[in-house]
Amino acid sequence: MSLPRNMMAVEISEYGGPDVLKAITCPVPVPGEGQILIRIDHAGVNRPDALQRAGNYAPPPDASPLPGLEASGFIAAVGPNVTRWKEGDAVTALLPGGGYAEYAVTAAEHALPVPRGMDMDAAAALCETYFTVWTNVFMRGQLQAGERFLLHGGASGIGTTAIQMARLRGARVFVTAGSDKKCAACLALGAERAINYKSEDFVAVMRDAGGANLILDMVGGAYIPRNLNSLAMDGRLVQIAFLEGSHVSMDMMQIMTRRLTVTGSTLRPQSLEAKARIAAALEAEIWPHLESKAIAPVMDSVFPLADAARAHERMESSANIGKIVLKVA
């Protein structure tokens, strides 16, 4: 198949609010050693895209400056030494950037086959959240069957993914969310207890339950000391974002006296090899459950690529339940 020289994309024209996302025409990227070129069908919208748009999450030096960290689509070309994929294969992929476009390149080992029977819009909602949850809940957090798992932002893309994956592994899932509607959605996905943080104190709820063995948090700020107070003896706190800030003053003594572990990670800066290992683990451990429909991405809304600003507005309003994607093809 002959490729066009240029493509439509959405760029960050300057740092700022959603209105800085502008449609442009730019050259189609060329896959390098070990890379694939994907003709994008749908692209996922994630909080790191908004952070990059605001100037707070710079892409790696060798990555596309365009936003977009995950997409579904079809292989349009392969670079040297790519053996698994061929032109026309349907894939979902983790991207280093560049997803808000008609074509994007990524490492061949960061792509996975679209689960059998899954629509391409849902396939675009997999990689950023599933890679993140697997890394932080199961690799770093070491969540085990029977443990009490507290998850903040239960109705978000990360939250709806983590609820299902944790229940699949036999954990007891507790979540916080900001409305009764969101709490109901979390319970329907398998959460044991959904805490409306506007009317309940999650610290009190978790203490009554015996304390959380693991907490996954993306809020930060004032939640950090409250999270530590919510943990059981030998509990673990995994931090993946700081929507309310990363600076806090607190007494750290309880980390010693209750043997707590505080850790965290970001996905984008990790090595190509580390992301390839995550992809391989997901394909072995989680993809069969996606194909059997035991779990599935929760879809909130689909916007045309040209309306990326509206998609960001919805995400930043926190009105969404589940994932927001852009229709590109």
Protein backbone atom coordinates (compact mmCIF):
# COMPACT_ATOMS: atom_id res chain seq x y z
CA MET A 1 0.00 0.00 0.00
CA SER A 2 1.38 3.40 -0.93
CA LEU A 3 1.43 5.85 1.95
CA PRO A 4 0.47 9.51 1.78
CA ARG A 5 3.20 12.06 2.38
CA ASN A 6 1.11 14.14 4.77
CA MET A 7 -1.55 13.50 7.41
CA MET A 8 -4.01 15.33 9.61
CA ALA A 9 -3.02 15.68 13.25
CA VAL A 10 -3.81 17.74 16.33
CA GLU A 11 -0.92 19.63 17.90
CA ILE A 12 -0.38 21.61 21.09
CA SER A 13 0.00 25.06 19.52
CA GLU A 14 1.14 26.58 22.84
CA TYR A 15 0.83 25.61 26.48
CA GLY A 16 -2.59 26.28 27.97
CA GLY A 17 -6.18 25.07 28.12
CA PRO A 18 -8.01 22.75 25.73
CA ASP A 19 -8.37 25.49 23.12
CA VAL A 20 -4.63 25.30 22.31
CA LEU A 21 -5.25 21.94 20.58
CA LYS A 22 -5.25 22.79 16.87
CA ALA A 23 -5.68 20.69 13.72
CA ILE A 24 -2.66 20.73 11.41
CA THR A 25 -1.22 18.93 8.40
CA CYS A 26 2.21 17.37 8.90
CA PRO A 27 4.40 14.64 7.35
CA VAL A 28 3.60 10.98 7.91
CA PRO A 29 6.29 9.52 10.20
CA VAL A 30 8.62 6.78 8.98
CA PRO A 31 9.20 3.66 11.12
CA GLY A 32 12.79 3.07 12.18
CA GLU A 33 14.64 0.02 13.43
CA GLY A 34 12.24 -2.23 15.38
CA GLN A 35 9.29 0.12 14.87
CA ILE A 36 5.89 -0.10 13.22
CA LEU A 37 3.78 2.57 11.54
CA ILE A 38 0.11 2.40 12.55
CA ARG A 39 -2.75 3.82 10.50
CA ILE A 40 -4.78 5.01 13.46
CA ASP A 41 -8.45 4.15 13.76
CA HIS A 42 -9.09 5.54 17.26
CA ALA A 43 -6.83 7.22 19.82
CA GLY A 44 -7.21 7.26 23.60
CA VAL A 45 -7.45 10.47 25.63
CA ASN A 46 -5.66 10.42 28.99
CA ARG A 47 -4.69 12.76 31.83
CA PRO A 48 -1.03 12.84 30.75
CA ASP A 49 -2.21 14.39 27.46
CA ALA A 50 -3.69 17.29 29.42
CA LEU A 51 -0.52 17.61 31.51
CA GLN A 52 1.55 17.77 28.32
CA ARG A 53 -0.85 20.35 26.90
CA ALA A 54 -0.37 22.48 30.04
CA GLY A 55 3.42 22.24 29.79
CA ASN A 56 3.89 19.87 32.73
CA TYR A 57 4.75 16.56 31.01
CA ALA A 58 7.34 16.91 28.26
CA PRO A 59 7.65 14.07 25.74
CA PRO A 60 10.93 12.15 25.58
CA PRO A 61 13.50 13.75 23.25
CA ASP A 62 13.03 11.09 20.55
CA ALA A 63 9.20 11.03 20.69
CA SER A 64 6.63 12.88 18.62
CA PRO A 65 5.63 16.22 20.17
CA LEU A 66 2.01 15.47 19.28
CA PRO A 67 -0.16 14.29 22.21
CA GLY A 68 -1.60 10.80 22.39
CA LEU A 69 -0.18 7.79 24.25
CA GLU A 70 -2.36 4.94 22.96
CA ALA A 71 -4.24 4.01 19.81
CA SER A 72 -5.84 1.22 17.84
CA GLY A 73 -5.39 0.78 14.14
CA PHE A 74 -3.78 -1.23 11.37
CA ILE A 75 -0.15 -1.77 10.51
CA ALA A 76 0.71 0.46 7.55
CA ALA A 77 4.45 -0.30 7.38
CA VAL A 78 7.17 -2.02 9.40
CA GLY A 79 10.74 -0.96 10.00
CA PRO A 80 13.86 -3.11 9.77
CA ASN A 81 14.00 -6.24 11.95
CA VAL A 82 10.28 -6.36 12.74
CA THR A 83 9.11 -9.96 12.41
CA ARG A 84 5.87 -10.28 14.38
CA TRP A 85 3.73 -7.79 12.49
CA LYS A 86 2.79 -7.40 8.84
CA GLU A 87 0.89 -4.79 6.87
CA GLY A 88 -2.84 -4.88 7.66
CA ASP A 89 -2.60 -6.44 11.13
CA ALA A 90 -5.06 -4.95 13.63
CA VAL A 91 -3.26 -3.75 16.76
CA THR A 92 -3.65 -1.73 19.91
CA ALA A 93 -0.48 -0.02 21.00
CA LEU A 94 1.23 2.05 23.63
CA LEU A 95 2.75 5.11 21.97
CA PRO A 96 5.59 7.41 23.07
CA GLY A 97 3.43 10.25 21.69
CA GLY A 98 1.77 11.13 18.42
CA GLY A 99 -1.60 9.42 18.83
CA TYR A 100 -3.66 12.46 17.89
CA ALA A 101 -2.93 11.87 14.21
CA GLU A 102 -3.78 9.66 11.25
CA TYR A 103 -0.47 7.77 11.56
CA ALA A 104 1.95 7.13 14.43
CA VAL A 105 5.09 5.08 15.04
CA THR A 106 5.90 2.97 18.07
CA ALA A 107 8.14 0.09 19.07
CA ALA A 108 6.87 -3.16 17.59
CA GLU A 109 7.04 -4.81 21.02
CA HIS A 110 4.69 -2.18 22.48
CA ALA A 111 1.81 -3.31 20.23
CA LEU A 112 -0.62 -6.10 21.02
CA PRO A 113 -3.26 -7.78 18.87
CA VAL A 114 -6.76 -6.35 19.14
CA PRO A 115 -8.64 -8.85 21.34
CA ARG A 116 -10.96 -11.04 19.27
CA GLY A 117 -14.41 -9.53 18.93
CA MET A 118 -13.45 -6.12 20.34
CA ASP A 119 -14.42 -2.94 18.48
CA MET A 120 -11.62 -0.60 17.51
CA ASP A 121 -12.88 2.25 19.70
CA ALA A 122 -12.66 0.01 22.78
CA ALA A 123 -9.27 -1.33 21.65
CA ALA A 124 -7.93 2.23 21.65
CA ALA A 125 -8.84 2.48 25.35
CA LEU A 126 -6.63 -0.40 26.49
CA CYS A 127 -2.93 0.25 26.56
CA GLU A 128 -2.26 3.37 28.64
CA THR A 129 -4.57 2.24 31.43
CA TYR A 130 -3.82 -1.49 31.35
CA PHE A 131 -0.04 -0.94 31.25
CA THR A 132 -0.37 1.54 34.13
CA VAL A 133 -2.58 -0.67 36.31
CA TRP A 134 -0.51 -3.81 35.71
CA THR A 135 2.72 -1.98 36.55
CA ASN A 136 1.52 -0.22 39.67
CA VAL A 137 -1.10 -2.52 41.19
CA PHE A 138 0.43 -5.91 40.48
CA MET A 139 4.16 -5.35 39.85
CA ARG A 140 4.92 -2.55 42.31
CA GLY A 141 1.90 -2.92 44.60
CA GLN A 142 2.00 -6.74 44.69
CA LEU A 143 -1.78 -7.00 45.18
CA GLN A 144 -2.80 -10.48 46.34
CA ALA A 145 -6.09 -12.35 46.43
CA GLY A 146 -8.14 -11.49 49.51
CA GLU A 147 -6.38 -8.19 50.18
CA ARG A 148 -8.26 -4.92 50.68
CA PHE A 149 -7.48 -2.56 47.78
CA LEU A 150 -8.47 1.11 47.96
CA LEU A 151 -8.61 2.89 44.63
CA HIS A 152 -9.15 6.62 44.27
CA GLY A 153 -10.91 7.90 41.15
CA GLY A 154 -12.85 4.69 40.75
CA ALA A 155 -14.91 5.92 37.79
CA SER A 156 -11.93 7.12 35.75
CA GLY A 157 -10.30 5.15 32.96
CA ILE A 158 -7.63 3.93 35.37
CA GLY A 159 -10.25 3.26 38.04
CA THR A 160 -12.66 1.22 35.94
CA THR A 161 -9.73 -0.83 34.66
CA ALA A 162 -8.24 -1.40 38.11
CA ILE A 163 -11.56 -2.49 39.63
CA GLN A 164 -11.99 -5.23 37.05
CA MET A 165 -8.38 -6.43 37.10
CA ALA A 166 -8.25 -6.51 40.91
CA ARG A 167 -11.51 -8.44 41.17
CA LEU A 168 -10.25 -10.82 38.50
CA ARG A 169 -7.29 -11.56 40.79
CA GLY A 170 -9.52 -12.08 43.83
CA ALA A 171 -8.93 -8.82 45.74
CA ARG A 172 -11.54 -6.92 47.76
CA VAL A 173 -11.99 -3.56 46.03
CA PHE A 174 -12.90 -0.28 47.75
CA VAL A 175 -13.15 2.91 45.70
CA THR A 176 -13.75 6.61 46.09
CA ALA A 177 -15.77 8.60 43.58
CA GLY A 178 -17.41 12.01 43.46
CA SER A 179 -21.09 11.20 42.90
CA ASP A 180 -23.67 8.55 43.68
CA LYS A 181 -23.89 7.79 39.95
CA LYS A 182 -20.17 7.12 39.77
CA CYS A 183 -20.30 5.03 42.93
CA ALA A 184 -23.08 2.92 41.41
CA ALA A 185 -20.99 2.37 38.28
CA CYS A 186 -18.06 1.19 40.39
CA LEU A 187 -20.25 -1.23 42.35
CA ALA A 188 -21.61 -2.63 39.07
CA LEU A 189 -18.03 -3.37 37.98
CA GLY A 190 -17.38 -5.39 41.12
CA ALA A 191 -16.27 -2.98 43.83
CA GLU A 192 -17.26 -4.17 47.30
CA ARG A 193 -17.67 -0.64 48.67
CA ALA A 194 -17.91 2.71 46.86
CA ILE A 195 -17.26 5.80 48.96
CA ASN A 196 -18.67 9.14 47.84
CA TYR A 197 -15.81 11.35 49.03
CA LYS A 198 -18.11 14.38 49.13
CA SER A 199 -20.23 12.87 51.89
CA GLU A 200 -18.07 10.15 53.52
CA ASP A 201 -14.60 9.93 55.03
CA PHE A 202 -12.63 7.20 53.27
CA VAL A 203 -10.19 7.01 56.19
CA ALA A 204 -12.98 6.03 58.59
CA VAL A 205 -14.46 3.55 56.11
CA MET A 206 -11.12 1.82 55.56
CA ARG A 207 -10.27 1.72 59.27
CA ASP A 208 -13.63 0.08 59.95
CA ALA A 209 -12.82 -2.49 57.25
CA GLY A 210 -9.44 -3.28 58.82
CA GLY A 211 -7.30 -0.92 56.78
CA ALA A 212 -6.20 -1.05 53.16
CA ASN A 213 -3.43 -3.43 52.23
CA LEU A 214 -2.85 -1.43 49.04
CA ILE A 215 -3.89 2.05 47.90
CA LEU A 216 -3.57 3.36 44.34
CA ASP A 217 -3.72 7.15 44.30
CA MET A 218 -3.56 9.81 41.61
CA VAL A 219 -4.83 12.71 43.74
CA GLY A 220 -1.90 13.48 46.04
CA GLY A 221 -1.98 16.70 48.06
CA ALA A 222 -4.01 16.36 51.24
CA TYR A 223 -4.82 12.76 50.32
CA ILE A 224 -1.26 11.63 51.05
CA PRO A 225 -1.41 11.71 54.89
CA ARG A 226 -5.00 10.45 54.78
CA ASN A 227 -3.87 7.53 52.64
CA LEU A 228 -1.19 6.61 55.16
CA ASN A 229 -3.79 6.77 57.93
CA SER A 230 -5.99 4.39 55.89
CA LEU A 231 -3.37 1.68 55.48
CA ALA A 232 -3.27 -1.54 57.46
CA MET A 233 -0.04 -2.73 59.07
CA ASP A 234 2.50 -3.48 56.32
CA GLY A 235 0.28 -1.59 53.84
CA ARG A 236 1.49 -0.17 50.55
CA LEU A 237 0.72 3.19 48.91
CA VAL A 238 1.38 3.51 45.18
CA GLN A 239 1.29 7.03 43.73
CA ILE A 240 0.73 7.49 39.99
CA ALA A 241 -0.18 11.19 39.76
CA PHE A 242 -0.59 14.34 41.83
CA LEU A 243 -3.72 16.11 40.59
CA GLU A 244 -3.81 18.15 43.83
CA GLY A 245 -0.05 18.63 44.17
CA SER A 246 3.02 16.70 45.27
CA HIS A 247 4.18 18.90 48.17
CA VAL A 248 2.84 18.07 51.62
CA SER A 249 4.00 18.44 55.22
CA MET A 250 3.42 15.38 57.41
CA ASP A 251 4.80 13.13 60.11
CA MET A 252 6.51 10.18 58.46
CA MET A 253 7.04 8.22 61.69
CA GLN A 254 4.13 5.86 61.00
CA ILE A 255 5.96 4.53 57.93
CA MET A 256 8.43 3.03 60.38
CA THR A 257 6.10 2.07 63.20
CA ARG A 258 3.53 0.37 60.93
CA ARG A 259 6.05 -0.86 58.32
CA LEU A 260 4.39 0.99 55.44
CA THR A 261 5.71 1.12 51.90
CA VAL A 262 5.35 4.24 49.73
CA THR A 263 6.23 3.93 46.07
CA GLY A 264 5.07 5.05 42.64
CA SER A 265 5.97 5.29 38.99
CA THR A 266 5.33 6.98 35.67
CA LEU A 267 4.98 4.94 32.51
CA ARG A 268 6.18 7.14 29.66
CA PRO A 269 9.85 7.54 30.72
CA GLN A 270 10.38 3.80 31.26
CA SER A 271 12.76 2.00 28.91
CA LEU A 272 11.66 0.30 25.71
CA GLU A 273 12.60 -3.02 27.31
CA ALA A 274 10.53 -2.39 30.44
CA LYS A 275 7.44 -1.53 28.40
CA ALA A 276 7.98 -4.62 26.23
CA ARG A 277 8.01 -6.77 29.38
CA ILE A 278 4.75 -5.20 30.53
CA ALA A 279 3.17 -5.84 27.12
CA ALA A 280 4.24 -9.48 27.20
CA ALA A 281 2.83 -9.95 30.71
CA LEU A 282 -0.49 -8.38 29.73
CA GLU A 283 -0.80 -10.56 26.64
CA ALA A 284 -0.20 -13.68 28.72
CA GLU A 285 -2.18 -12.79 31.85
CA ILE A 286 -4.93 -10.35 30.83
CA TRP A 287 -5.63 -10.64 27.09
CA PRO A 288 -7.40 -14.03 27.44
CA HIS A 289 -9.87 -12.40 29.85
CA LEU A 290 -10.50 -9.54 27.39
CA GLU A 291 -11.17 -12.07 24.65
CA SER A 292 -13.56 -14.05 26.88
CA LYS A 293 -15.25 -10.74 27.81
CA ALA A 294 -14.73 -11.39 31.51
CA ILE A 295 -13.39 -7.83 31.59
CA ALA A 296 -13.69 -4.94 29.13
CA PRO A 297 -12.81 -1.27 28.90
CA VAL A 298 -15.62 1.00 30.10
CA MET A 299 -16.35 3.52 27.37
CA ASP A 300 -17.59 7.02 28.14
CA SER A 301 -17.58 8.93 24.86
CA VAL A 302 -16.10 9.23 21.37
CA PHE A 303 -15.14 12.55 19.77
CA PRO A 304 -13.86 13.25 16.25
CA LEU A 305 -10.13 13.94 16.13
CA ALA A 306 -10.81 17.57 15.17
CA ASP A 307 -12.80 17.94 18.41
CA ALA A 308 -9.91 16.92 20.68
CA ALA A 309 -10.41 20.14 22.66
CA ARG A 310 -13.95 19.07 23.56
CA ALA A 311 -12.65 15.66 24.61
CA HIS A 312 -10.15 17.36 26.95
CA GLU A 313 -12.87 19.58 28.37
CA ARG A 314 -14.94 16.51 29.24
CA MET A 315 -11.99 14.71 30.81
CA GLU A 316 -11.00 17.72 32.90
CA SER A 317 -14.60 18.24 34.04
CA SER A 318 -14.35 14.76 35.65
CA ALA A 319 -17.85 14.04 34.32
CA ASN A 320 -16.71 10.93 32.48
CA ILE A 321 -17.23 7.37 33.64
CA GLY A 322 -14.58 5.31 31.89
CA LYS A 323 -12.55 6.13 28.80
CA ILE A 324 -12.75 8.92 26.25
CA VAL A 325 -11.41 8.25 22.76
CA LEU A 326 -10.96 10.13 19.50
CA LYS A 327 -12.24 8.73 16.20
CA VAL A 328 -9.49 9.24 13.66
CA ALA A 329 -10.23 6.99 10.65
